[in-house]
N, C-alpha and C. Protein backbone atom coordinates (compact mmCIF):
# COMPACT_ATOMS: atom_id res chain seq x y z
N UNK A 1 -3.03 10.83 26.17
CA UNK A 1 -3.71 10.86 24.78
C UNK A 1 -3.37 9.43 24.42
N UNK A 2 -4.44 9.17 23.48
CA UNK A 2 -4.65 8.07 22.82
C UNK A 2 -4.28 7.98 21.68
N UNK A 3 -3.39 6.70 21.50
CA UNK A 3 -2.91 6.91 19.62
C UNK A 3 -4.01 6.11 18.98
N UNK A 4 -4.27 6.35 17.73
CA UNK A 4 -4.93 5.54 17.12
C UNK A 4 -3.96 4.75 16.28
N UNK A 5 -4.78 3.14 16.43
CA UNK A 5 -4.02 1.92 15.90
C UNK A 5 -3.22 2.30 14.39
N UNK A 6 -2.24 1.56 14.46
CA UNK A 6 -1.63 1.72 13.29
C UNK A 6 -2.26 0.88 12.06
N UNK A 7 -2.48 1.00 10.70
CA UNK A 7 -2.79 0.49 9.51
C UNK A 7 -1.81 -0.50 9.66
N UNK A 8 -2.43 -1.49 8.48
CA UNK A 8 -1.65 -2.51 8.25
C UNK A 8 -0.19 -2.30 7.09
N UNK A 9 -0.59 -0.91 6.55
CA UNK A 9 0.68 -0.38 6.00
C UNK A 9 1.47 0.35 6.54
N UNK A 10 1.28 0.78 7.81
CA UNK A 10 2.17 1.58 8.63
C UNK A 10 3.09 0.28 9.50
N UNK A 11 2.21 -0.59 9.80
CA UNK A 11 2.91 -1.91 10.27
C UNK A 11 4.07 -2.52 9.52
N UNK A 12 3.36 -2.77 8.33
CA UNK A 12 4.44 -3.28 7.04
C UNK A 12 5.90 -2.37 7.03
N UNK A 13 5.10 -1.06 6.88
CA UNK A 13 6.65 -0.25 6.71
C UNK A 13 7.51 -0.40 7.94
N UNK A 14 7.09 -0.17 9.00
CA UNK A 14 7.78 -0.63 10.28
C UNK A 14 8.95 -1.88 10.20
N UNK A 15 7.88 -2.97 9.62
CA UNK A 15 8.94 -4.36 9.69
C UNK A 15 10.04 -3.97 8.38
N UNK A 16 9.73 -3.36 7.45
CA UNK A 16 10.70 -3.21 6.38
C UNK A 16 12.02 -2.08 7.04
N UNK A 17 11.26 -1.12 8.09
CA UNK A 17 12.47 -0.56 8.42
C UNK A 17 13.34 -1.33 9.49
N UNK A 18 13.03 -1.90 10.12
CA UNK A 18 13.14 -2.93 11.09
C UNK A 18 14.36 -3.80 10.30
N UNK A 19 14.18 -4.42 9.62
CA UNK A 19 14.72 -5.39 8.59
C UNK A 19 16.23 -4.64 8.06
N UNK A 20 15.42 -3.28 7.28
CA UNK A 20 16.86 -2.48 6.73
C UNK A 20 17.64 -2.27 7.76
N UNK A 21 17.52 -1.76 8.85
CA UNK A 21 18.44 -1.38 10.03
C UNK A 21 19.09 -2.68 10.69
N UNK A 22 18.57 -3.57 10.64
CA UNK A 22 19.26 -5.06 10.97
C UNK A 22 20.41 -5.44 10.03
N UNK A 23 20.14 -5.20 9.07
CA UNK A 23 21.00 -5.77 7.59
C UNK A 23 22.10 -4.70 7.79
N UNK A 24 21.75 -3.56 7.77
CA UNK A 24 23.02 -2.27 7.95
C UNK A 24 23.77 -2.31 9.06
N UNK A 25 23.11 -2.61 10.28
CA UNK A 25 24.32 -3.04 11.41
C UNK A 25 24.96 -4.07 11.24
N UNK A 26 24.82 -5.08 10.47
CA UNK A 26 25.81 -6.00 10.27
C UNK A 26 26.12 -6.88 11.69
N UNK A 27 27.53 -6.68 11.54
CA UNK A 27 27.84 -7.48 12.95
C UNK A 27 28.30 -6.60 14.13
N UNK A 28 27.97 -5.45 13.93
CA UNK A 28 28.00 -4.17 15.09
C UNK A 28 27.03 -5.11 16.13
N UNK A 29 27.34 -4.25 16.99
CA UNK A 29 26.71 -4.98 18.23
C UNK A 29 25.41 -3.72 18.31
N UNK A 30 24.04 -4.15 18.74
CA UNK A 30 22.97 -3.31 19.03
C UNK A 30 23.62 -1.97 19.95
N UNK A 31 24.16 -2.50 20.97
CA UNK A 31 24.32 -1.43 21.95
C UNK A 31 25.40 -0.32 21.59
N UNK A 32 26.60 -0.69 20.47
CA UNK A 32 27.17 -0.07 20.31
C UNK A 32 26.59 1.07 19.31
N UNK A 33 25.60 0.42 18.54
CA UNK A 33 24.73 1.25 17.42
C UNK A 33 23.98 2.57 18.19
N UNK A 34 23.38 1.97 19.22
CA UNK A 34 22.12 2.67 19.99
C UNK A 34 23.15 3.56 20.90
N UNK A 35 24.12 3.27 21.26
CA UNK A 35 25.24 4.52 22.17
C UNK A 35 25.71 5.42 21.06
N UNK A 36 25.98 4.98 19.98
CA UNK A 36 26.48 5.95 18.96
C UNK A 36 25.41 6.90 18.13
N UNK A 37 24.19 6.55 18.46
CA UNK A 37 22.97 7.23 17.86
C UNK A 37 22.66 7.83 18.91
N UNK A 38 22.82 7.98 20.24
CA UNK A 38 22.26 8.64 21.40
C UNK A 38 20.84 8.17 21.67
N UNK A 39 20.54 6.91 21.35
CA UNK A 39 19.21 6.44 21.66
C UNK A 39 19.37 5.36 22.82
N UNK A 40 18.33 4.71 23.45
CA UNK A 40 18.50 3.53 24.06
C UNK A 40 18.75 2.02 23.35
N UNK A 41 19.24 1.24 23.86
CA UNK A 41 19.50 -0.07 23.12
C UNK A 41 17.96 -0.83 22.96
N UNK A 42 17.10 -0.39 24.11
CA UNK A 42 15.79 -0.95 24.05
C UNK A 42 14.98 -0.06 23.05
N UNK A 43 15.17 1.09 22.58
CA UNK A 43 14.40 1.84 21.84
C UNK A 43 14.94 1.29 20.20
N UNK A 44 16.13 0.86 20.22
CA UNK A 44 16.74 0.29 18.83
C UNK A 44 16.25 -1.12 18.74
N UNK A 45 16.13 -2.01 19.78
CA UNK A 45 15.74 -3.14 19.96
C UNK A 45 14.05 -3.16 19.05
N UNK A 46 13.27 -2.09 19.52
CA UNK A 46 12.01 -2.28 19.68
C UNK A 46 11.83 -1.61 17.85
N UNK A 47 12.89 -1.06 17.39
CA UNK A 47 12.47 -0.50 16.08
C UNK A 47 12.90 -1.35 15.12
N UNK A 48 13.89 -2.42 15.63
CA UNK A 48 14.61 -3.37 14.44
C UNK A 48 13.48 -4.58 14.63
N UNK A 49 12.73 -4.68 15.58
CA UNK A 49 11.86 -5.87 15.86
C UNK A 49 10.39 -5.68 15.14
N UNK A 50 10.21 -4.29 14.71
CA UNK A 50 8.97 -3.83 14.27
C UNK A 50 8.11 -3.49 15.31
N UNK A 51 8.32 -3.43 16.55
CA UNK A 51 7.39 -3.28 17.82
C UNK A 51 7.07 -1.60 17.65
N UNK A 52 7.96 -0.88 17.14
CA UNK A 52 7.79 0.53 17.14
C UNK A 52 7.87 0.83 15.78
N UNK A 53 6.73 0.81 15.23
CA UNK A 53 6.71 1.00 13.59
C UNK A 53 7.00 2.40 13.19
N UNK A 54 6.53 3.25 13.98
CA UNK A 54 6.70 4.73 13.28
C UNK A 54 7.23 5.90 14.46
N UNK A 55 8.59 5.31 14.26
CA UNK A 55 9.70 6.16 15.15
C UNK A 55 9.71 7.60 14.53
N UNK A 56 10.37 8.49 15.81
CA UNK A 56 10.39 9.64 15.77
C UNK A 56 11.63 10.20 14.48
N UNK A 57 11.32 10.95 13.34
CA UNK A 57 12.37 11.11 12.43
C UNK A 57 13.62 11.37 12.99
N UNK A 58 13.75 12.30 14.14
CA UNK A 58 15.24 12.39 14.72
C UNK A 58 15.89 11.15 14.95
N UNK A 59 15.21 10.17 15.42
CA UNK A 59 15.82 8.71 15.94
C UNK A 59 16.29 8.12 14.54
N UNK A 60 15.28 8.14 13.51
CA UNK A 60 15.72 7.26 12.58
C UNK A 60 16.77 8.34 11.68
N UNK A 61 16.92 9.24 11.82
CA UNK A 61 17.97 10.39 11.24
C UNK A 61 19.35 9.74 11.98
N UNK A 62 19.45 9.55 12.91
CA UNK A 62 20.53 9.49 14.18
C UNK A 62 20.98 7.99 13.70
N UNK A 63 20.18 7.27 13.47
CA UNK A 63 20.59 5.63 13.80
C UNK A 63 21.17 5.27 12.28
N UNK A 64 20.33 6.17 11.11
CA UNK A 64 20.96 6.20 9.79
C UNK A 64 22.23 6.58 9.66
N UNK A 65 22.55 8.08 10.47
CA UNK A 65 23.84 8.40 10.22
C UNK A 65 24.70 7.23 10.90
N UNK A 66 24.70 6.88 11.72
CA UNK A 66 25.46 6.18 12.45
C UNK A 66 26.03 4.81 11.86
N UNK A 67 24.66 4.44 10.92
CA UNK A 67 25.07 3.15 10.01
C UNK A 67 25.67 3.39 8.58
N UNK A 68 25.65 4.84 8.40
CA UNK A 68 26.17 5.27 7.08
C UNK A 68 25.26 5.09 6.02
N UNK A 69 23.95 5.40 6.01
CA UNK A 69 22.50 5.22 5.08
C UNK A 69 22.24 6.71 5.08
N UNK A 70 21.85 6.67 3.83
CA UNK A 70 21.19 8.37 3.48
C UNK A 70 19.73 7.92 3.67
N UNK A 71 19.24 8.89 4.09
CA UNK A 71 17.75 9.04 4.44
C UNK A 71 17.10 8.94 2.82
N UNK A 72 17.55 9.19 1.99
CA UNK A 72 17.02 9.06 0.91
C UNK A 72 17.01 7.35 0.75
N UNK A 73 17.90 6.40 0.85
CA UNK A 73 17.76 5.20 0.83
C UNK A 73 17.02 4.46 1.71
N UNK A 74 17.24 5.35 2.97
CA UNK A 74 15.95 4.44 3.99
C UNK A 74 14.58 4.55 3.45
N UNK A 75 14.02 6.01 3.08
CA UNK A 75 12.80 6.14 2.37
C UNK A 75 12.23 5.27 1.25
N UNK A 76 13.67 5.05 0.51
CA UNK A 76 13.04 4.33 -0.94
C UNK A 76 13.25 2.79 -0.33
N UNK A 77 13.85 2.27 0.59
CA UNK A 77 13.43 0.80 0.94
C UNK A 77 12.22 0.65 1.64
N UNK A 78 11.77 1.58 2.57
CA UNK A 78 10.66 1.14 3.10
C UNK A 78 9.46 1.51 2.70
N UNK A 79 9.43 2.38 1.89
CA UNK A 79 8.05 2.99 1.15
C UNK A 79 7.92 2.30 0.03
N UNK A 80 8.12 1.08 -0.18
CA UNK A 80 7.91 0.45 -1.46
C UNK A 80 6.39 0.16 -1.30
N UNK A 81 5.37 0.43 -2.28
CA UNK A 81 3.99 0.02 -2.20
C UNK A 81 3.85 -1.60 -2.56
N UNK A 82 3.02 -2.22 -1.75
CA UNK A 82 2.34 -3.68 -1.61
C UNK A 82 1.27 -3.76 -2.62
N UNK A 83 1.11 -4.95 -3.14
CA UNK A 83 0.30 -5.28 -3.67
C UNK A 83 -1.31 -4.87 -2.93
N UNK A 84 -1.39 -5.31 -1.73
CA UNK A 84 -2.36 -5.19 -0.66
C UNK A 84 -2.72 -3.73 -0.34
N UNK A 85 -1.67 -2.58 -0.71
CA UNK A 85 -1.79 -1.40 -0.24
C UNK A 85 -1.45 -0.60 -1.33
N UNK A 86 -2.11 0.09 -1.93
CA UNK A 86 -2.06 0.63 -3.18
C UNK A 86 -1.94 2.42 -2.70
N UNK A 87 -2.22 2.63 -1.38
CA UNK A 87 -2.37 4.15 -1.05
C UNK A 87 -1.01 4.29 -0.69
N UNK A 88 0.15 4.04 -0.57
CA UNK A 88 1.63 4.37 -0.84
C UNK A 88 2.00 4.09 -1.97
N UNK A 89 2.35 5.58 -2.30
CA UNK A 89 2.70 5.75 -3.58
C UNK A 89 4.16 5.17 -3.87
N UNK A 90 4.08 4.80 -5.24
CA UNK A 90 5.76 4.02 -5.69
C UNK A 90 6.65 5.15 -5.58
N UNK A 91 7.94 5.05 -5.27
CA UNK A 91 8.89 5.81 -5.58
C UNK A 91 10.02 5.15 -6.50
N UNK A 92 10.60 6.03 -7.30
CA UNK A 92 11.66 5.50 -7.74
C UNK A 92 12.78 5.11 -6.78
N UNK A 93 13.13 3.60 -7.17
CA UNK A 93 14.27 2.92 -6.36
C UNK A 93 15.96 3.36 -6.82
N UNK A 94 16.50 3.61 -5.73
CA UNK A 94 17.56 4.08 -5.72
C UNK A 94 18.83 3.04 -5.06
N UNK A 95 19.75 2.74 -5.67
CA UNK A 95 20.53 1.64 -5.47
C UNK A 95 20.76 1.65 -3.52
N UNK A 96 20.61 0.59 -3.07
CA UNK A 96 20.65 0.51 -1.62
C UNK A 96 22.05 0.80 -1.28
N UNK A 97 22.54 1.53 -0.22
CA UNK A 97 23.64 1.18 0.46
C UNK A 97 23.73 0.15 1.03
N UNK A 98 22.94 -0.90 1.39
CA UNK A 98 22.91 -1.93 2.34
C UNK A 98 22.75 -2.97 1.13
N UNK A 99 23.68 -4.25 1.54
CA UNK A 99 23.63 -5.57 0.73
C UNK A 99 22.52 -6.32 1.00
């Protein structure tokens, strides 16, 4: 099966997700978070680096649970519309659980 190339908006959203997860992880090791989330450290590394821009929902749900993030907060953070991409609908910002 051939995957369609990601759009620039999907790539950017993946980068925002990775940055959010890195901030939320803080000083916890990648290994500890990955094992607690029942995913491989390599998968977490790829998500945090933006190499996996569209991870599966259960993967994100597991990581968010491990980091104490609500899925609403994750969605609010990653779905910000950019000036270049008006195809992503803006959402009401909720206070982030991550500083």
